[in-house]
Amino acid sequence: MLIRKLDCAVVQTALTYNQDANAHPYDSVKGVFWEGQELYPNAGFREKNHIQICVCNPNCIKGYFLPRGINQDYPNP
């Protein structure tokens, strides 16, 4: 797992600006980050593109699930 401290700092800074402006607080924030080399010339995709989601209001989380275990009857890719 990668820890992306700069991405977190960008989101936290945006939330701080919003709070300092006395704006309505966000329940959640989505950030899109383009990183790395193009996968092929003129590609819209890069090696490390990713999306980060920050849930600021825990009341927005209505539930969660536990990942299921590996079924040993099948190959594990």
N, C-alpha and C. Protein backbone atom coordinates (compact mmCIF):
# COMPACT_ATOMS: atom_id res chain seq x y z
N MET A 1 0.85 -1.17 0.00
CA MET A 1 0.00 0.00 0.00
C MET A 1 0.89 1.24 0.00
N LEU A 2 0.54 2.19 -0.83
CA LEU A 2 1.28 3.45 -0.88
C LEU A 2 0.64 4.46 0.06
N ILE A 3 1.46 5.19 0.77
CA ILE A 3 0.98 6.30 1.60
C ILE A 3 1.29 7.57 0.81
N ARG A 4 0.30 8.30 0.46
CA ARG A 4 0.48 9.51 -0.36
C ARG A 4 0.25 10.74 0.50
N LYS A 5 1.31 11.17 1.17
CA LYS A 5 1.21 12.29 2.10
C LYS A 5 0.89 13.61 1.40
N LEU A 6 1.44 13.82 0.20
CA LEU A 6 1.15 15.07 -0.52
C LEU A 6 -0.32 15.12 -0.92
N ASP A 7 -0.87 14.01 -1.39
CA ASP A 7 -2.30 13.98 -1.74
C ASP A 7 -3.14 14.33 -0.53
N CYS A 8 -2.80 13.77 0.61
CA CYS A 8 -3.53 14.05 1.85
C CYS A 8 -3.41 15.53 2.21
N ALA A 9 -2.21 16.10 2.04
CA ALA A 9 -2.00 17.51 2.35
C ALA A 9 -2.84 18.41 1.44
N VAL A 10 -2.97 18.05 0.17
CA VAL A 10 -3.78 18.83 -0.77
C VAL A 10 -5.24 18.84 -0.31
N VAL A 11 -5.76 17.67 0.03
CA VAL A 11 -7.16 17.57 0.47
C VAL A 11 -7.35 18.33 1.78
N GLN A 12 -6.45 18.16 2.73
CA GLN A 12 -6.57 18.85 4.02
C GLN A 12 -6.50 20.37 3.84
N THR A 13 -5.65 20.84 2.93
CA THR A 13 -5.55 22.28 2.66
C THR A 13 -6.86 22.81 2.08
N ALA A 14 -7.44 22.08 1.14
CA ALA A 14 -8.73 22.50 0.56
C ALA A 14 -9.81 22.55 1.63
N LEU A 15 -9.83 21.58 2.52
CA LEU A 15 -10.82 21.58 3.60
C LEU A 15 -10.60 22.75 4.56
N THR A 16 -9.34 23.09 4.83
CA THR A 16 -9.03 24.22 5.70
C THR A 16 -9.47 25.54 5.06
N TYR A 17 -9.19 25.71 3.75
CA TYR A 17 -9.63 26.92 3.05
C TYR A 17 -11.15 27.05 3.12
N ASN A 18 -11.84 25.95 2.92
CA ASN A 18 -13.30 25.95 2.98
C ASN A 18 -13.78 26.37 4.37
N GLN A 19 -13.17 25.83 5.40
CA GLN A 19 -13.55 26.16 6.78
C GLN A 19 -13.24 27.63 7.09
N ASP A 20 -12.06 28.10 6.65
CA ASP A 20 -11.67 29.50 6.90
C ASP A 20 -12.61 30.49 6.21
N ALA A 21 -13.22 30.06 5.10
CA ALA A 21 -14.15 30.92 4.37
C ALA A 21 -15.56 30.83 4.94
N ASN A 22 -15.71 30.11 6.05
CA ASN A 22 -17.02 29.90 6.68
C ASN A 22 -18.05 29.33 5.70
N ALA A 23 -17.56 28.50 4.79
CA ALA A 23 -18.44 27.84 3.83
C ALA A 23 -19.04 26.59 4.46
N HIS A 24 -20.10 26.10 3.85
CA HIS A 24 -20.74 24.87 4.33
C HIS A 24 -19.71 23.74 4.26
N PRO A 25 -19.54 22.97 5.32
CA PRO A 25 -18.52 21.90 5.31
C PRO A 25 -18.89 20.79 4.32
N TYR A 26 -17.86 20.20 3.74
CA TYR A 26 -18.05 19.08 2.83
C TYR A 26 -18.28 17.79 3.62
N ASP A 27 -19.16 16.94 3.11
CA ASP A 27 -19.33 15.60 3.68
C ASP A 27 -18.24 14.66 3.18
N SER A 28 -17.84 14.84 1.92
CA SER A 28 -16.79 14.01 1.34
C SER A 28 -16.10 14.80 0.22
N VAL A 29 -14.89 14.38 -0.09
CA VAL A 29 -14.10 15.04 -1.12
C VAL A 29 -13.46 13.95 -1.98
N LYS A 30 -13.45 14.18 -3.30
CA LYS A 30 -12.77 13.26 -4.22
C LYS A 30 -11.68 14.04 -4.94
N GLY A 31 -10.48 13.48 -4.97
CA GLY A 31 -9.37 14.10 -5.68
C GLY A 31 -8.87 13.16 -6.77
N VAL A 32 -8.61 13.71 -7.96
CA VAL A 32 -8.09 12.92 -9.08
C VAL A 32 -6.64 13.35 -9.30
N PHE A 33 -5.74 12.39 -9.32
CA PHE A 33 -4.31 12.68 -9.43
C PHE A 33 -3.72 11.93 -10.62
N TRP A 34 -3.05 12.66 -11.52
CA TRP A 34 -2.37 12.07 -12.66
C TRP A 34 -0.89 12.01 -12.33
N GLU A 35 -0.32 10.81 -12.38
CA GLU A 35 1.09 10.64 -12.05
C GLU A 35 1.72 9.62 -12.98
N GLY A 36 3.02 9.74 -13.14
CA GLY A 36 3.79 8.74 -13.88
C GLY A 36 3.85 9.03 -15.37
N GLN A 37 4.51 8.12 -16.06
CA GLN A 37 4.68 8.23 -17.51
C GLN A 37 3.40 7.78 -18.21
N GLU A 38 3.20 8.31 -19.44
CA GLU A 38 2.08 7.85 -20.24
C GLU A 38 2.24 6.35 -20.52
N LEU A 39 1.13 5.63 -20.54
CA LEU A 39 1.20 4.19 -20.82
C LEU A 39 1.60 3.91 -22.26
N TYR A 40 1.24 4.84 -23.18
CA TYR A 40 1.66 4.78 -24.58
C TYR A 40 1.53 6.21 -25.10
N PRO A 41 2.15 6.53 -26.26
CA PRO A 41 2.12 7.91 -26.76
C PRO A 41 0.69 8.45 -26.89
N ASN A 42 0.50 9.67 -26.42
CA ASN A 42 -0.79 10.37 -26.46
C ASN A 42 -1.87 9.68 -25.64
N ALA A 43 -1.46 8.88 -24.68
CA ALA A 43 -2.43 8.17 -23.83
C ALA A 43 -3.08 9.13 -22.85
N GLY A 44 -4.30 8.85 -22.50
CA GLY A 44 -4.97 9.59 -21.44
C GLY A 44 -4.71 8.96 -20.08
N PHE A 45 -4.03 7.83 -20.09
CA PHE A 45 -3.74 7.12 -18.85
C PHE A 45 -2.24 7.15 -18.57
N ARG A 46 -1.91 7.27 -17.30
CA ARG A 46 -0.51 7.23 -16.87
C ARG A 46 -0.31 6.07 -15.91
N GLU A 47 0.95 5.76 -15.64
CA GLU A 47 1.28 4.58 -14.83
C GLU A 47 0.66 4.60 -13.44
N LYS A 48 0.55 5.78 -12.84
CA LYS A 48 0.13 5.85 -11.44
C LYS A 48 -1.08 6.75 -11.21
N ASN A 49 -1.93 6.91 -12.25
CA ASN A 49 -3.17 7.67 -12.04
C ASN A 49 -3.95 7.05 -10.89
N HIS A 50 -4.59 7.87 -10.09
CA HIS A 50 -5.41 7.33 -9.01
C HIS A 50 -6.41 8.37 -8.53
N ILE A 51 -7.40 7.89 -7.81
CA ILE A 51 -8.43 8.73 -7.21
C ILE A 51 -8.39 8.50 -5.71
N GLN A 52 -8.46 9.58 -4.96
CA GLN A 52 -8.51 9.47 -3.50
C GLN A 52 -9.85 10.00 -3.03
N ILE A 53 -10.43 9.33 -2.08
CA ILE A 53 -11.70 9.74 -1.50
C ILE A 53 -11.50 9.97 -0.01
N CYS A 54 -11.99 11.12 0.46
CA CYS A 54 -11.91 11.46 1.89
C CYS A 54 -13.34 11.65 2.39
N VAL A 55 -13.75 10.81 3.31
CA VAL A 55 -15.06 10.96 3.93
C VAL A 55 -14.86 11.80 5.19
N CYS A 56 -15.32 13.05 5.14
CA CYS A 56 -15.14 13.99 6.26
C CYS A 56 -16.19 13.80 7.34
N ASN A 57 -17.37 13.41 6.93
CA ASN A 57 -18.49 13.22 7.85
C ASN A 57 -18.72 11.72 8.02
N PRO A 58 -18.33 11.14 9.14
CA PRO A 58 -18.48 9.69 9.31
C PRO A 58 -19.93 9.22 9.26
N ASN A 59 -20.89 10.12 9.43
CA ASN A 59 -22.29 9.73 9.34
C ASN A 59 -22.70 9.40 7.90
N CYS A 60 -21.83 9.70 6.94
CA CYS A 60 -22.10 9.35 5.54
C CYS A 60 -21.81 7.87 5.27
N ILE A 61 -21.09 7.22 6.15
CA ILE A 61 -20.78 5.80 5.98
C ILE A 61 -21.95 5.01 6.55
N LYS A 62 -22.70 4.40 5.66
CA LYS A 62 -23.91 3.69 6.06
C LYS A 62 -23.64 2.23 6.40
N GLY A 63 -22.52 1.71 5.98
CA GLY A 63 -22.19 0.32 6.26
C GLY A 63 -20.85 -0.02 5.66
N TYR A 64 -20.40 -1.22 5.91
CA TYR A 64 -19.15 -1.70 5.35
C TYR A 64 -19.24 -3.21 5.26
N PHE A 65 -18.30 -3.81 4.57
CA PHE A 65 -18.28 -5.26 4.47
C PHE A 65 -16.87 -5.76 4.77
N LEU A 66 -16.79 -6.98 5.19
CA LEU A 66 -15.51 -7.63 5.41
C LEU A 66 -15.15 -8.41 4.16
N PRO A 67 -13.91 -8.28 3.67
CA PRO A 67 -13.52 -9.07 2.50
C PRO A 67 -13.65 -10.57 2.80
N ARG A 68 -14.11 -11.30 1.83
CA ARG A 68 -14.26 -12.74 2.04
C ARG A 68 -12.90 -13.41 1.96
N GLY A 69 -12.79 -14.58 2.52
CA GLY A 69 -11.55 -15.34 2.48
C GLY A 69 -11.30 -15.95 1.12
N ILE A 70 -10.10 -16.46 0.92
CA ILE A 70 -9.72 -17.11 -0.33
C ILE A 70 -10.27 -18.53 -0.34
N ASN A 71 -10.92 -18.88 -1.44
CA ASN A 71 -11.43 -20.24 -1.62
C ASN A 71 -10.28 -21.09 -2.17
N GLN A 72 -9.80 -22.03 -1.40
CA GLN A 72 -8.65 -22.85 -1.77
C GLN A 72 -8.97 -23.83 -2.90
N ASP A 73 -10.25 -23.97 -3.27
CA ASP A 73 -10.63 -24.86 -4.37
C ASP A 73 -10.30 -24.27 -5.74
N TYR A 74 -9.93 -22.99 -5.78
CA TYR A 74 -9.64 -22.31 -7.04
C TYR A 74 -8.26 -21.68 -6.96
N PRO A 75 -7.61 -21.45 -8.13
CA PRO A 75 -6.30 -20.79 -8.11
C PRO A 75 -6.42 -19.36 -7.61
N ASN A 76 -5.39 -18.89 -6.96
CA ASN A 76 -5.34 -17.52 -6.46
C ASN A 76 -4.47 -16.70 -7.41
N PRO A 77 -5.07 -15.84 -8.25
CA PRO A 77 -4.28 -15.08 -9.24
C PRO A 77 -3.34 -14.09 -8.60
